[in-house]
Amino acid sequence: MSPPEPRLTRRGLLISGAAVAGYSLAAGPLRADPIRTEPAGLVTGMVELPVADRTIPAYRARPEGPGPFPVVLVVHEIFGLHEYIRDVCRRLARAGYLAVAPDLYVRQGDPAALGSADAILERIVLRVPDAQVMADLDAAARFAVSEHGDPARIFATGFCWGGRIVWLYAAHSRELVAAAAWYGRLEGASRPETPEHPMDLADRPLRPVLGLYGTEDAGIPVESVFKMRKQLAQAQSSSEILLFPGAPHGFHADYRESYRPMAAEEAWRRMLAWFRQHAEGEKAPGG
């Protein structure tokens, strides 16, 4: 049976400060009515996630009951594990998934303490090794399975910085069934911490990724998206990329002015359909 669609409510009061509302200060002014998914009927909250060298914080949301539930690893955007990402986890839980969002910056710093995206990039993001993130996501998948998750149905989704990570994880993990990458950067300079980018992996075996991009993304040119599409097609990849007309970077981020409701809702629907399609394919005889 397919998971039910998420039931969402809206908070109509003006939010006076990002920190008070649980959002990153660096994200800038908040929209007055970001989506708020109520936790009633869900198991939600912060947990400690065992990883190779320590524990790291993570947010977990799942339906009540014994499961097993399909798993979604949620990879946060540049602003870290703030309220928007926690709400995404609750939305996925409403749709029948066990969602786990690890704090992948915790060793390098706290983005909530910084006042701009540039500061987060310089002081935290550029110091986060991709290899560390891959290992933490592997640990998050193991944790999810131990918490009523189905090991045969593990998915991932990520936004902005997390969108790039999702492409990398699709090349790294063999347990992953499929993934959805929201406007993740596709190419860039090679550095010790980030030796490869999604474009470098397009001709390698990838778990199926659904890329979700906007035509008006100032940081990810449409030419880059078309180039990635071409390389995926030449490699006969099972991954796909959708382009949403008029959508800027961050078009799913309902707490920011970049939010585009029609594109966000359609992309979310496509993501859930992608997960269902590939879960069914994994379970099909001979699939």
Protein backbone atom coordinates (compact mmCIF):
# COMPACT_ATOMS: atom_id res chain seq x y z
CA MET A 1 0.00 0.00 0.00
CA SER A 2 1.35 3.45 -0.88
CA PRO A 3 2.03 5.83 2.03
CA PRO A 4 -0.63 8.54 2.48
CA GLU A 5 0.09 12.04 1.25
CA PRO A 6 1.30 14.42 4.00
CA ARG A 7 -1.29 16.56 5.81
CA LEU A 8 0.09 20.04 6.34
CA THR A 9 -1.09 23.04 8.33
CA ARG A 10 0.09 26.65 8.09
CA ARG A 11 1.16 29.05 10.78
CA GLY A 12 -0.28 32.44 9.94
CA LEU A 13 1.34 34.64 12.60
CA LEU A 14 4.21 36.91 11.66
CA ILE A 15 7.53 35.49 12.83
CA SER A 16 9.66 38.28 14.28
CA GLY A 17 12.99 36.47 14.54
CA ALA A 18 14.60 33.46 12.91
CA ALA A 19 16.28 32.27 16.11
CA VAL A 20 13.02 32.40 18.07
CA ALA A 21 11.28 30.33 15.41
CA GLY A 22 14.09 27.75 15.25
CA TYR A 23 15.35 28.81 11.81
CA SER A 24 18.88 29.84 10.90
CA LEU A 25 19.61 33.57 11.31
CA ALA A 26 21.80 33.41 8.21
CA ALA A 27 18.79 32.43 6.08
CA GLY A 28 17.56 36.02 6.24
CA PRO A 29 14.02 37.34 6.76
CA LEU A 30 11.33 34.70 7.20
CA ARG A 31 8.09 34.43 5.32
CA ALA A 32 5.09 35.00 7.57
CA ASP A 33 3.58 31.56 7.02
CA PRO A 34 6.15 28.77 6.70
CA ILE A 35 4.67 25.29 6.68
CA ARG A 36 4.29 23.73 10.09
CA THR A 37 3.61 20.00 10.30
CA GLU A 38 2.18 19.06 13.68
CA PRO A 39 3.89 16.17 15.52
CA ALA A 40 0.65 14.70 16.92
CA GLY A 41 0.44 11.02 16.01
CA LEU A 42 4.15 10.87 15.20
CA VAL A 43 7.25 9.82 17.11
CA THR A 44 9.56 12.84 16.82
CA GLY A 45 12.55 14.44 18.49
CA MET A 46 16.31 14.74 18.67
CA VAL A 47 18.36 11.56 19.08
CA GLU A 48 22.05 10.72 19.48
CA LEU A 49 23.39 8.93 16.42
CA PRO A 50 26.41 6.60 16.90
CA VAL A 51 29.03 7.22 14.22
CA ALA A 52 32.62 6.05 13.81
CA ASP A 53 34.33 8.37 16.29
CA ARG A 54 31.55 9.70 18.53
CA THR A 55 27.82 10.38 18.56
CA ILE A 56 26.23 13.22 16.61
CA PRO A 57 22.80 14.81 17.01
CA ALA A 58 20.03 13.95 14.57
CA TYR A 59 16.33 14.65 14.24
CA ARG A 60 14.05 11.64 13.82
CA ALA A 61 10.38 11.48 12.84
CA ARG A 62 8.25 8.44 12.09
CA PRO A 63 4.65 7.27 12.35
CA GLU A 64 3.53 5.64 15.55
CA GLY A 65 3.48 1.84 15.44
CA PRO A 66 5.90 -1.04 15.05
CA GLY A 67 6.83 -0.61 11.38
CA PRO A 68 8.93 -1.53 9.58
CA PHE A 69 8.80 1.84 7.83
CA PRO A 70 10.58 2.88 4.64
CA VAL A 71 13.52 5.12 5.55
CA VAL A 72 14.46 8.55 4.21
CA LEU A 73 17.82 10.06 5.11
CA VAL A 74 17.34 13.85 5.01
CA VAL A 75 20.45 15.88 4.23
CA HIS A 76 20.22 19.46 5.44
CA GLU A 77 20.91 22.60 3.44
CA ILE A 78 23.81 24.99 4.05
CA PHE A 79 22.00 26.43 7.09
CA GLY A 80 22.21 23.14 8.98
CA LEU A 81 19.69 21.17 10.98
CA HIS A 82 17.18 23.93 11.69
CA GLU A 83 13.38 24.00 11.87
CA TYR A 84 12.78 23.73 8.12
CA ILE A 85 14.68 20.43 7.93
CA ARG A 86 12.95 19.11 11.05
CA ASP A 87 9.61 19.96 9.47
CA VAL A 88 10.60 18.13 6.26
CA CYS A 89 11.20 15.07 8.44
CA ARG A 90 7.71 15.40 9.95
CA ARG A 91 6.17 15.75 6.48
CA LEU A 92 7.88 12.54 5.42
CA ALA A 93 6.66 10.84 8.60
CA ARG A 94 3.11 11.94 7.75
CA ALA A 95 3.66 10.25 4.38
CA GLY A 96 4.56 6.97 6.12
CA TYR A 97 8.36 7.20 6.26
CA LEU A 98 10.92 7.06 9.04
CA ALA A 99 12.98 10.19 8.40
CA VAL A 100 16.39 10.82 9.96
CA ALA A 101 18.30 14.10 9.52
CA PRO A 102 21.80 13.99 11.04
CA ASP A 103 23.70 17.15 11.96
CA LEU A 104 26.51 16.80 9.45
CA TYR A 105 28.29 20.01 10.54
CA VAL A 106 28.56 19.27 14.25
CA ARG A 107 32.32 18.60 14.24
CA GLN A 108 33.10 21.79 12.34
CA GLY A 109 30.76 24.27 14.03
CA ASP A 110 27.24 25.57 14.57
CA PRO A 111 25.76 27.51 11.62
CA ALA A 112 23.10 28.98 13.90
CA ALA A 113 25.83 31.06 15.53
CA LEU A 114 26.83 32.71 12.24
CA GLY A 115 25.04 35.61 10.61
CA SER A 116 25.51 34.97 6.89
CA ALA A 117 25.68 32.19 4.33
CA ASP A 118 29.18 33.37 3.38
CA ALA A 119 30.36 32.93 6.96
CA ILE A 120 28.85 29.44 7.14
CA LEU A 121 30.53 28.54 3.87
CA GLU A 122 33.95 29.80 4.95
CA ARG A 123 33.99 28.64 8.56
CA ILE A 124 32.06 25.37 8.34
CA VAL A 125 31.10 24.02 4.91
CA LEU A 126 34.54 24.22 3.30
CA ARG A 127 35.95 22.23 6.23
CA VAL A 128 33.47 19.33 6.01
CA PRO A 129 35.03 16.35 4.19
CA ASP A 130 32.76 14.42 1.84
CA ALA A 131 34.17 11.15 3.18
CA GLN A 132 33.06 12.10 6.69
CA VAL A 133 29.55 12.87 5.43
CA MET A 134 29.29 9.56 3.56
CA ALA A 135 30.25 7.65 6.72
CA ASP A 136 27.76 9.63 8.83
CA LEU A 137 24.95 8.87 6.38
CA ASP A 138 25.85 5.18 6.47
CA ALA A 139 25.59 5.37 10.26
CA ALA A 140 22.22 7.16 9.97
CA ALA A 141 20.92 4.35 7.76
CA ARG A 142 22.03 1.73 10.29
CA PHE A 143 20.39 3.70 13.09
CA ALA A 144 17.14 4.00 11.13
CA VAL A 145 17.01 0.24 10.58
CA SER A 146 17.50 -0.29 14.32
CA GLU A 147 14.59 2.10 14.96
CA HIS A 148 11.86 0.23 13.01
CA GLY A 149 13.21 1.07 9.56
CA ASP A 150 13.01 -1.32 6.61
CA PRO A 151 16.53 -2.19 5.36
CA ALA A 152 15.12 -2.98 1.91
CA ARG A 153 13.62 0.50 1.49
CA ILE A 154 16.24 3.14 2.23
CA PHE A 155 15.98 6.47 0.40
CA ALA A 156 17.67 9.86 0.68
CA THR A 157 16.78 13.45 -0.08
CA GLY A 158 18.71 16.67 0.39
CA PHE A 159 18.45 20.39 -0.27
CA CYS A 160 21.04 22.90 -1.56
CA TRP A 161 24.33 21.69 0.02
CA GLY A 162 22.47 18.47 0.79
CA GLY A 163 21.38 18.10 -2.83
CA ARG A 164 24.99 17.78 -3.91
CA ILE A 165 25.63 15.30 -1.10
CA VAL A 166 22.71 13.13 -2.23
CA TRP A 167 24.27 12.70 -5.69
CA LEU A 168 27.53 11.63 -4.05
CA TYR A 169 25.74 9.24 -1.70
CA ALA A 170 23.98 7.61 -4.66
CA ALA A 171 27.42 6.64 -5.96
CA HIS A 172 28.67 5.60 -2.52
CA SER A 173 25.89 3.46 -1.00
CA ARG A 174 24.76 0.08 -2.23
CA GLU A 175 21.98 -0.10 0.40
CA LEU A 176 20.30 3.02 -0.98
CA VAL A 177 17.28 2.27 -3.19
CA ALA A 178 16.75 5.73 -4.72
CA ALA A 179 17.18 9.41 -3.91
CA ALA A 180 15.94 12.92 -4.69
CA ALA A 181 18.39 15.85 -4.95
CA TRP A 182 16.93 19.35 -4.62
CA TYR A 183 19.00 21.99 -6.47
CA GLY A 184 22.37 20.56 -5.47
CA ARG A 185 25.43 22.02 -7.17
CA LEU A 186 26.63 19.73 -9.97
CA GLU A 187 30.20 20.86 -10.63
CA GLY A 188 32.98 22.75 -8.93
CA ALA A 189 36.64 22.87 -8.01
CA SER A 190 38.33 19.77 -6.64
CA ARG A 191 39.66 20.19 -3.10
CA PRO A 192 40.97 17.67 -0.53
CA GLU A 193 37.65 17.87 1.33
CA THR A 194 35.55 17.73 -1.85
CA PRO A 195 37.57 15.80 -4.43
CA GLU A 196 34.64 15.05 -6.75
CA HIS A 197 31.30 16.53 -7.70
CA PRO A 198 28.12 15.02 -9.18
CA MET A 199 29.21 15.78 -12.75
CA ASP A 200 32.31 13.65 -12.17
CA LEU A 201 30.13 10.70 -11.17
CA ALA A 202 27.53 10.83 -13.94
CA ASP A 203 29.08 7.97 -15.93
CA ARG A 204 29.50 5.70 -12.90
CA PRO A 205 26.99 3.29 -11.36
CA LEU A 206 24.50 5.41 -9.39
CA ARG A 207 21.45 4.46 -7.42
CA PRO A 208 18.53 6.21 -9.19
CA VAL A 209 18.47 9.94 -8.43
CA LEU A 210 15.66 12.34 -9.24
CA GLY A 211 17.20 15.79 -9.65
CA LEU A 212 14.86 18.72 -8.91
CA TYR A 213 16.10 22.06 -10.29
CA GLY A 214 14.78 25.51 -11.18
CA THR A 215 15.36 27.40 -14.41
CA GLU A 216 16.02 30.64 -12.49
CA ASP A 217 18.65 29.31 -10.09
CA ALA A 218 21.31 32.01 -9.94
CA GLY A 219 23.91 29.60 -8.52
CA ILE A 220 23.32 26.58 -10.77
CA PRO A 221 23.15 27.57 -14.45
CA VAL A 222 20.68 25.73 -16.65
CA GLU A 223 23.66 24.89 -18.89
CA SER A 224 25.12 22.88 -16.00
CA VAL A 225 21.86 20.98 -15.57
CA PHE A 226 21.67 20.23 -19.31
CA LYS A 227 25.28 19.02 -19.26
CA MET A 228 24.50 16.65 -16.38
CA ARG A 229 21.40 15.41 -18.18
CA LYS A 230 23.44 14.67 -21.28
CA GLN A 231 26.09 12.76 -19.35
CA LEU A 232 23.46 10.70 -17.53
CA ALA A 233 21.80 9.86 -20.85
CA GLN A 234 25.10 8.83 -22.43
CA ALA A 235 25.76 6.56 -19.45
CA GLN A 236 22.23 5.09 -19.81
CA SER A 237 21.65 6.03 -16.18
CA SER A 238 18.35 5.38 -14.44
CA SER A 239 18.57 8.87 -12.89
CA GLU A 240 16.44 11.76 -14.16
CA ILE A 241 16.45 15.54 -13.80
CA LEU A 242 13.35 17.74 -13.78
CA LEU A 243 13.52 21.49 -14.43
CA PHE A 244 10.80 23.74 -13.00
CA PRO A 245 10.17 26.92 -15.07
CA GLY A 246 10.54 30.17 -13.16
CA ALA A 247 11.80 28.47 -9.99
CA PRO A 248 14.86 29.94 -8.24
CA HIS A 249 17.32 28.24 -5.94
CA GLY A 250 15.58 27.21 -2.73
CA PHE A 251 12.14 26.97 -4.31
CA HIS A 252 11.08 24.34 -1.74
CA ALA A 253 12.28 26.42 1.25
CA ASP A 254 8.84 27.61 2.41
CA TYR A 255 10.31 29.81 5.16
CA ARG A 256 12.16 32.03 2.63
CA GLU A 257 11.14 34.40 -0.15
CA SER A 258 12.56 31.94 -2.70
CA TYR A 259 9.59 29.61 -2.05
CA ARG A 260 7.45 28.79 -5.08
CA PRO A 261 4.41 26.80 -3.89
CA MET A 262 3.40 25.26 -7.22
CA ALA A 263 6.90 24.06 -8.08
CA ALA A 264 7.53 22.90 -4.51
CA GLU A 265 4.31 20.90 -4.28
CA GLU A 266 4.77 19.30 -7.69
CA ALA A 267 8.40 18.41 -6.97
CA TRP A 268 7.42 16.90 -3.60
CA ARG A 269 4.74 14.81 -5.31
CA ARG A 270 7.27 13.65 -7.91
CA MET A 271 9.75 12.74 -5.18
CA LEU A 272 7.25 10.56 -3.29
CA ALA A 273 6.20 8.89 -6.55
CA TRP A 274 9.89 8.25 -7.35
CA PHE A 275 10.40 6.58 -3.99
CA ARG A 276 7.28 4.42 -4.42
CA GLN A 277 8.26 3.45 -7.95
CA HIS A 278 11.70 2.28 -6.94
CA ALA A 279 10.55 0.57 -3.74
CA GLU A 280 8.12 -1.46 -5.80
CA GLY A 281 10.84 -2.20 -8.35
CA GLU A 282 13.14 -3.52 -5.62
CA LYS A 283 10.44 -5.84 -4.35
CA ALA A 284 9.28 -7.05 -7.77
CA PRO A 285 10.34 -10.59 -8.76
CA GLY A 286 13.52 -10.37 -10.75
CA GLY A 287 13.69 -6.57 -10.13
